[in-house]
Amino acid sequence: MTLAAADTQDVPQIDFDRFARLALCHRPTPIEPMVRLSESLGGPNLLIKRDDCTGLATGGNKTRKLEFLVADALTQNADMLVTQGAVQSNHVRQTAAAACRAGLKCHALLERRVPDRNDQYEQTGNVFLDKVFGATLEFRPPGLDMNAEGLAAAERLRVKGHRPYFIPGGGSNATGALGYAACAQEIMQQCASDGLSLQWLVMATGSTGTQAGLVAGFHTLGWDLPVMGISVRQPRERQIEAVLGLTKQTLAKLDGPGIGASKIFVDDRYVGAGYGQPAASTLEAISLTAQNEGILLDPVYSGKGMAGLIGLVRQGFFKPSDNVLFLHTGGACALFAYEDAILQGSD
């Protein structure tokens, strides 16, 4: 399908009303041109989908997933959300805030996934906000099966009389991914309304729910827009396998058509030393985006995603006439936990 200027009523629709959904998100988030960054790079026309502006707890991509996940928790009469993530998890911060909005408690397990961080790393940024939202926290050493740890914690809380609802890391299951299938439809509607044709969408990919939801949504709607995931942690082949698996599960919920691995795009060249460890390219991307567009990226996800976009532009991956949309997944709260690295990188 090719989108041109059209009435948004002409855009295919997915019936999301058949799924429980709790309004948490400012929608639609704007699509804005990045004129100065495009000129600085001398590349294609770059645009940005501002999902850092979803509203809940300073915004971010997890809010769209939580609309479906928290609603599902409420239908099951839960009194508590239980989830897991890395210490500076954007997902945990937004889950804690969503619990407040829904009148639920929140308990989170935080994995010490990033090596060689000082004690302040566990006190500032997202961790500070987790506490502001009243979440109770447990820390775990690196390398554990954190979803299994979270399920075990939920069961312990159940024995104590709570009614916990477990949300996997990143909110990345088929229910959570519905949030980005809905976002795919939102992007289509915006493009149709504005007469905007896109050739690529680029984003950071980690726990897979955002990329899988977008791919499933576009595929169900019949729009063959390629979504390039810039991996923040996993090698390319492993990430493709994970994204494809969740895309298929999401398509099953949507009654969408089948899909193969050829529709999943991942670039793993911007991971650097590992998850939560900003590479030189990450720090450059944060600086270039801030100083050209006044937009803050984070050092774990969106910074690496933008580093990938910048790298692809410099490599001539896109045509000069292409319109390339970057999905901003939020996370600027984590900048405070990486102050030394970011300031050194800007010298």
Protein backbone atom coordinates (compact mmCIF):
# COMPACT_ATOMS: atom_id res chain seq x y z
CA MET A 1 0.00 0.00 0.00
CA THR A 2 1.21 3.51 -0.87
CA LEU A 3 -0.13 6.40 1.18
CA ALA A 4 -0.90 9.73 -0.40
CA ALA A 5 -2.98 12.69 0.72
CA ALA A 6 -6.36 11.26 1.58
CA ASP A 7 -9.21 11.48 4.01
CA THR A 8 -8.20 9.53 7.11
CA GLN A 9 -11.47 7.63 6.77
CA ASP A 10 -9.89 5.93 3.74
CA VAL A 11 -7.14 4.41 5.93
CA PRO A 12 -7.78 0.76 6.87
CA GLN A 13 -8.78 0.25 10.49
CA ILE A 14 -8.08 -2.39 13.12
CA ASP A 15 -10.84 -2.83 15.69
CA PHE A 16 -8.97 -2.18 18.93
CA ASP A 17 -12.25 -1.73 20.81
CA ARG A 18 -12.45 -5.52 21.20
CA PHE A 19 -9.49 -5.35 23.60
CA ALA A 20 -9.63 -3.93 27.12
CA ARG A 21 -7.82 -0.57 27.14
CA LEU A 22 -7.20 2.07 29.79
CA ALA A 23 -6.55 5.62 28.55
CA LEU A 24 -3.06 6.58 29.77
CA CYS A 25 -1.48 8.11 26.69
CA HIS A 26 -1.54 11.47 24.94
CA ARG A 27 -2.55 10.46 21.42
CA PRO A 28 -1.71 11.11 18.68
CA THR A 29 1.87 12.06 19.40
CA PRO A 30 3.22 14.52 16.83
CA ILE A 31 5.39 13.77 13.85
CA GLU A 32 7.89 16.61 13.46
CA PRO A 33 10.56 17.37 10.85
CA MET A 34 14.19 17.35 11.98
CA VAL A 35 15.30 20.03 9.54
CA ARG A 36 18.59 21.04 11.15
CA LEU A 37 19.72 17.47 11.82
CA SER A 38 18.87 16.50 8.23
CA GLU A 39 20.90 19.44 6.93
CA SER A 40 23.78 18.68 9.30
CA LEU A 41 24.01 15.10 8.04
CA GLY A 42 23.42 16.01 4.40
CA GLY A 43 21.15 13.02 4.09
CA PRO A 44 17.48 12.26 3.49
CA ASN A 45 14.53 14.07 5.04
CA LEU A 46 14.45 12.98 8.70
CA LEU A 47 11.31 13.15 10.81
CA ILE A 48 10.62 12.14 14.40
CA LYS A 49 7.57 10.50 16.00
CA ARG A 50 7.49 12.04 19.48
CA ASP A 51 6.58 9.08 21.68
CA ASP A 52 8.63 10.76 24.37
CA CYS A 53 5.48 12.92 24.63
CA THR A 54 2.98 10.21 25.59
CA GLY A 55 2.45 12.05 28.87
CA LEU A 56 2.63 9.47 31.63
CA ALA A 57 5.57 9.99 34.03
CA THR A 58 7.49 12.17 31.50
CA GLY A 59 6.37 9.92 28.61
CA GLY A 60 7.89 7.08 26.62
CA ASN A 61 6.92 4.12 24.51
CA LYS A 62 5.88 1.83 27.37
CA THR A 63 2.77 3.92 28.03
CA ARG A 64 1.11 2.64 24.85
CA LYS A 65 1.71 -0.95 25.95
CA LEU A 66 0.50 -0.28 29.47
CA GLU A 67 -2.87 0.93 28.17
CA PHE A 68 -3.64 -2.67 27.23
CA LEU A 69 -1.68 -4.40 30.00
CA VAL A 70 -3.14 -2.43 32.92
CA ALA A 71 -6.64 -2.76 31.48
CA ASP A 72 -6.12 -6.54 31.33
CA ALA A 73 -4.94 -6.46 34.96
CA LEU A 74 -8.11 -4.63 35.99
CA THR A 75 -10.33 -7.16 34.20
CA GLN A 76 -8.61 -9.84 36.30
CA ASN A 77 -9.31 -7.91 39.53
CA ALA A 78 -5.61 -7.39 40.26
CA ASP A 79 -4.58 -5.11 43.11
CA MET A 80 -0.89 -4.94 42.21
CA LEU A 81 1.35 -4.78 39.13
CA VAL A 82 4.58 -6.77 39.30
CA THR A 83 7.27 -6.26 36.69
CA GLN A 84 11.00 -6.29 36.07
CA GLY A 85 13.70 -4.37 34.24
CA ALA A 86 17.26 -3.11 34.46
CA VAL A 87 18.11 -0.64 37.22
CA GLN A 88 17.43 2.43 35.05
CA SER A 89 14.35 0.91 33.43
CA ASN A 90 12.00 3.31 31.62
CA HIS A 91 9.41 0.54 31.66
CA VAL A 92 9.44 0.21 35.45
CA ARG A 93 9.06 3.98 35.87
CA GLN A 94 6.03 4.09 33.57
CA THR A 95 4.52 0.94 35.10
CA ALA A 96 4.79 2.47 38.57
CA ALA A 97 3.03 5.61 37.34
CA ALA A 98 0.34 3.60 35.53
CA ALA A 99 -0.32 1.69 38.74
CA CYS A 100 -0.94 5.01 40.50
CA ARG A 101 -3.40 6.07 37.78
CA ALA A 102 -5.27 2.77 38.12
CA GLY A 103 -5.28 2.69 41.93
CA LEU A 104 -2.96 -0.31 42.09
CA LYS A 105 0.26 -1.03 43.96
CA CYS A 106 3.48 -1.70 42.05
CA HIS A 107 6.37 -4.00 42.89
CA ALA A 108 9.43 -4.19 40.63
CA LEU A 109 12.60 -6.25 40.38
CA LEU A 110 15.63 -4.33 39.10
CA GLU A 111 18.52 -6.22 37.52
CA ARG A 112 22.03 -4.87 38.06
CA ARG A 113 22.62 -5.47 34.35
CA VAL A 114 25.05 -2.63 33.68
CA PRO A 115 28.56 -3.21 35.09
CA ASP A 116 30.85 -0.76 36.85
CA ARG A 117 28.25 1.76 37.97
CA ASN A 118 28.59 3.69 41.22
CA ASP A 119 26.09 3.67 44.07
CA GLN A 120 24.40 6.83 42.80
CA TYR A 121 23.29 4.90 39.70
CA GLU A 122 20.77 3.07 41.89
CA GLN A 123 19.43 6.27 43.46
CA THR A 124 18.95 8.78 40.63
CA GLY A 125 17.08 9.00 37.32
CA ASN A 126 14.35 6.41 36.87
CA VAL A 127 15.01 4.77 40.25
CA PHE A 128 14.29 8.05 42.02
CA LEU A 129 11.00 8.35 40.10
CA ASP A 130 10.06 4.73 40.85
CA LYS A 131 10.20 5.68 44.52
CA VAL A 132 8.26 8.91 43.97
CA PHE A 133 5.46 6.79 42.49
CA GLY A 134 5.51 4.55 45.56
CA ALA A 135 6.83 1.40 43.93
CA THR A 136 8.53 -1.20 46.12
CA LEU A 137 11.80 -2.45 44.68
CA GLU A 138 14.06 -5.50 44.86
CA PHE A 139 17.48 -5.71 43.23
CA ARG A 140 18.90 -8.75 41.46
CA PRO A 141 22.40 -9.66 40.21
CA PRO A 142 22.99 -9.80 36.46
CA GLY A 143 22.38 -12.81 34.27
CA LEU A 144 19.22 -14.23 35.84
CA ASP A 145 16.01 -15.09 33.99
CA MET A 146 14.31 -11.92 35.16
CA ASN A 147 10.84 -12.85 33.95
CA ALA A 148 11.09 -16.07 35.94
CA GLU A 149 12.27 -14.05 38.94
CA GLY A 150 9.33 -11.70 38.53
CA LEU A 151 6.81 -14.53 38.30
CA ALA A 152 8.26 -16.07 41.46
CA ALA A 153 7.98 -12.72 43.26
CA ALA A 154 4.38 -12.40 42.10
CA GLU A 155 3.60 -15.83 43.50
CA ARG A 156 5.13 -14.91 46.87
CA LEU A 157 2.95 -11.81 46.95
CA ARG A 158 -0.09 -13.90 46.05
CA VAL A 159 0.58 -16.18 49.01
CA LYS A 160 0.64 -13.07 51.21
CA GLY A 161 -2.87 -12.15 50.07
CA HIS A 162 -2.23 -9.82 47.13
CA ARG A 163 -3.73 -10.22 43.66
CA PRO A 164 -0.66 -9.54 41.49
CA TYR A 165 -0.65 -9.18 37.73
CA PHE A 166 2.76 -9.87 36.18
CA ILE A 167 4.00 -7.71 33.29
CA PRO A 168 7.12 -9.02 31.51
CA GLY A 169 10.15 -6.82 30.96
CA GLY A 170 9.39 -3.93 28.64
CA GLY A 171 5.71 -4.86 28.63
CA SER A 172 6.69 -7.04 25.70
CA ASN A 173 4.08 -9.70 25.18
CA ALA A 174 1.27 -9.88 22.64
CA THR A 175 -1.06 -7.82 24.85
CA GLY A 176 1.49 -5.05 25.31
CA ALA A 177 2.48 -5.09 21.64
CA LEU A 178 -1.10 -4.10 20.76
CA GLY A 179 -0.06 -0.59 21.83
CA TYR A 180 2.30 -0.35 18.88
CA ALA A 181 -0.05 -2.02 16.45
CA ALA A 182 -2.37 0.86 17.37
CA CYS A 183 0.54 3.27 16.90
CA ALA A 184 1.09 1.88 13.39
CA GLN A 185 -2.50 2.78 12.59
CA GLU A 186 -1.99 6.24 14.11
CA ILE A 187 1.09 6.81 11.92
CA MET A 188 -0.86 5.74 8.83
CA GLN A 189 -3.65 8.17 9.68
CA GLN A 190 -1.17 11.02 10.21
CA CYS A 191 0.58 10.32 6.92
CA ALA A 192 -2.72 10.16 5.03
CA SER A 193 -3.91 13.40 6.60
CA ASP A 194 -0.65 15.25 5.84
CA GLY A 195 0.05 13.67 2.45
CA LEU A 196 3.31 12.28 3.80
CA SER A 197 4.98 9.30 2.17
CA LEU A 198 7.48 7.36 4.31
CA GLN A 199 10.17 5.02 3.02
CA TRP A 200 11.61 3.80 6.35
CA LEU A 201 10.92 3.83 10.08
CA VAL A 202 13.96 3.53 12.38
CA MET A 203 13.85 2.82 16.12
CA ALA A 204 15.75 1.28 19.02
CA THR A 205 14.82 -2.35 19.65
CA GLY A 206 15.33 -4.18 22.94
CA SER A 207 12.63 -6.32 24.54
CA THR A 208 10.97 -6.41 21.07
CA GLY A 209 7.40 -5.32 21.90
CA THR A 210 7.58 -1.95 20.16
CA GLN A 211 9.09 -3.22 16.92
CA ALA A 212 6.89 -6.32 16.87
CA GLY A 213 3.76 -4.25 17.45
CA LEU A 214 4.62 -1.82 14.66
CA VAL A 215 5.44 -4.60 12.19
CA ALA A 216 2.26 -6.49 13.10
CA GLY A 217 0.16 -3.35 12.80
CA PHE A 218 1.55 -2.26 9.43
CA HIS A 219 1.32 -5.85 8.13
CA THR A 220 -2.30 -6.21 9.18
CA LEU A 221 -3.15 -2.84 7.62
CA GLY A 222 -1.41 -3.75 4.37
CA TRP A 223 1.28 -1.04 4.49
CA ASP A 224 4.68 -2.44 3.55
CA LEU A 225 6.70 0.14 5.49
CA PRO A 226 10.04 -1.38 6.58
CA VAL A 227 10.86 -0.96 10.28
CA MET A 228 14.59 -0.96 11.04
CA GLY A 229 15.32 -1.91 14.65
CA ILE A 230 18.67 -0.72 16.01
CA SER A 231 19.56 -3.33 18.61
CA VAL A 232 20.51 -2.06 22.05
CA ARG A 233 21.62 -5.44 23.39
CA GLN A 234 21.27 -8.63 21.32
CA PRO A 235 23.13 -9.84 18.21
CA ARG A 236 21.21 -9.34 14.99
CA GLU A 237 20.08 -12.92 14.36
CA ARG A 238 18.90 -13.43 17.93
CA GLN A 239 16.99 -10.13 17.86
CA ILE A 240 15.35 -10.96 14.53
CA GLU A 241 14.19 -14.29 15.94
CA ALA A 242 12.76 -12.64 19.05
CA VAL A 243 11.00 -9.86 17.12
CA LEU A 244 9.57 -12.33 14.63
CA GLY A 245 8.24 -14.57 17.40
CA LEU A 246 6.37 -11.74 19.12
CA THR A 247 5.19 -10.32 15.78
CA LYS A 248 3.53 -13.65 15.01
CA GLN A 249 1.87 -13.76 18.44
CA THR A 250 0.58 -10.22 17.98
CA LEU A 251 -0.72 -10.98 14.50
CA ALA A 252 -2.61 -13.93 15.97
CA LYS A 253 -4.38 -11.57 18.39
CA LEU A 254 -5.19 -9.22 15.51
CA ASP A 255 -6.33 -12.02 13.17
CA GLY A 256 -3.69 -10.71 10.78
CA PRO A 257 -1.92 -12.50 7.92
CA GLY A 258 1.18 -14.64 8.30
CA ILE A 259 4.66 -13.13 8.12
CA GLY A 260 8.22 -14.31 7.53
CA ALA A 261 11.66 -13.28 8.78
CA SER A 262 12.32 -11.27 5.60
CA LYS A 263 10.03 -8.55 7.00
CA ILE A 264 12.13 -8.09 10.17
CA PHE A 265 15.07 -5.65 9.91
CA VAL A 266 17.70 -5.33 12.66
CA ASP A 267 21.10 -3.60 12.77
CA ASP A 268 23.31 -4.62 15.71
CA ARG A 269 26.36 -2.43 15.02
CA TYR A 270 25.56 0.24 17.63
CA VAL A 271 25.29 -1.87 20.79
CA GLY A 272 28.78 -0.89 21.93
CA ALA A 273 30.10 -2.71 25.00
CA GLY A 274 26.62 -3.90 25.97
CA TYR A 275 23.20 -2.96 27.29
CA GLY A 276 23.12 0.35 29.13
CA GLN A 277 26.69 1.19 28.13
CA PRO A 278 26.68 4.17 25.76
CA ALA A 279 29.17 3.92 22.91
CA ALA A 280 30.90 6.94 21.40
CA SER A 281 28.26 6.88 18.66
CA THR A 282 25.51 7.00 21.33
CA LEU A 283 27.02 10.06 22.97
CA GLU A 284 27.45 11.77 19.60
CA ALA A 285 23.81 11.05 18.71
CA ILE A 286 22.60 12.52 22.02
CA SER A 287 24.68 15.66 21.46
CA LEU A 288 23.77 16.14 17.78
CA THR A 289 20.05 15.71 18.43
CA ALA A 290 20.05 18.01 21.45
CA GLN A 291 22.08 20.74 19.79
CA ASN A 292 20.35 20.62 16.40
CA GLU A 293 16.77 19.91 17.42
CA GLY A 294 16.48 20.67 21.15
CA ILE A 295 15.36 17.07 21.73
CA LEU A 296 16.70 14.88 24.53
CA LEU A 297 17.51 11.23 23.87
CA ASP A 298 18.46 8.62 26.46
CA PRO A 299 21.78 6.71 26.68
CA VAL A 300 20.23 3.23 26.71
CA TYR A 301 17.60 3.11 23.95
CA SER A 302 16.81 6.19 21.88
CA GLY A 303 20.45 7.35 21.86
CA LYS A 304 21.57 4.07 20.34
CA GLY A 305 18.61 4.11 17.97
CA MET A 306 19.55 7.57 16.74
CA ALA A 307 23.21 6.52 16.46
CA GLY A 308 22.03 3.78 14.13
CA LEU A 309 19.98 6.21 12.05
CA ILE A 310 22.92 8.62 11.79
CA GLY A 311 25.25 5.78 10.84
CA LEU A 312 22.89 4.55 8.12
CA VAL A 313 22.59 8.08 6.70
CA ARG A 314 26.38 8.45 6.58
CA GLN A 315 26.73 5.06 4.89
CA GLY A 316 24.32 6.09 2.12
CA PHE A 317 21.78 3.45 3.12
CA PHE A 318 18.83 5.73 2.30
CA LYS A 319 18.06 7.52 -0.94
CA PRO A 320 18.49 11.32 -0.77
CA SER A 321 14.77 11.73 -1.51
CA ASP A 322 13.62 9.32 1.23
CA ASN A 323 11.45 10.38 4.15
CA VAL A 324 12.76 8.51 7.19
CA LEU A 325 10.79 8.50 10.44
CA PHE A 326 12.59 8.00 13.75
CA LEU A 327 10.47 6.71 16.62
CA HIS A 328 11.53 8.46 19.85
CA THR A 329 10.89 5.96 22.64
CA GLY A 330 11.60 8.44 25.47
CA GLY A 331 13.82 7.81 28.47
CA ALA A 332 15.53 11.17 29.06
CA CYS A 333 15.15 10.64 32.84
CA ALA A 334 18.05 8.19 32.62
CA LEU A 335 20.41 10.95 31.47
CA PHE A 336 20.93 11.92 35.11
CA ALA A 337 22.40 8.47 35.84
CA TYR A 338 24.98 8.93 33.05
CA GLU A 339 26.01 12.54 33.67
CA ASP A 340 29.77 11.92 33.69
CA ALA A 341 29.79 9.95 30.44
CA ILE A 342 27.55 12.42 28.64
CA LEU A 343 29.45 15.52 29.70
CA GLN A 344 32.78 13.89 28.83
CA GLY A 345 31.36 12.89 25.46
CA SER A 346 30.36 16.48 24.71
CA ASP A 347 33.81 17.94 25.43
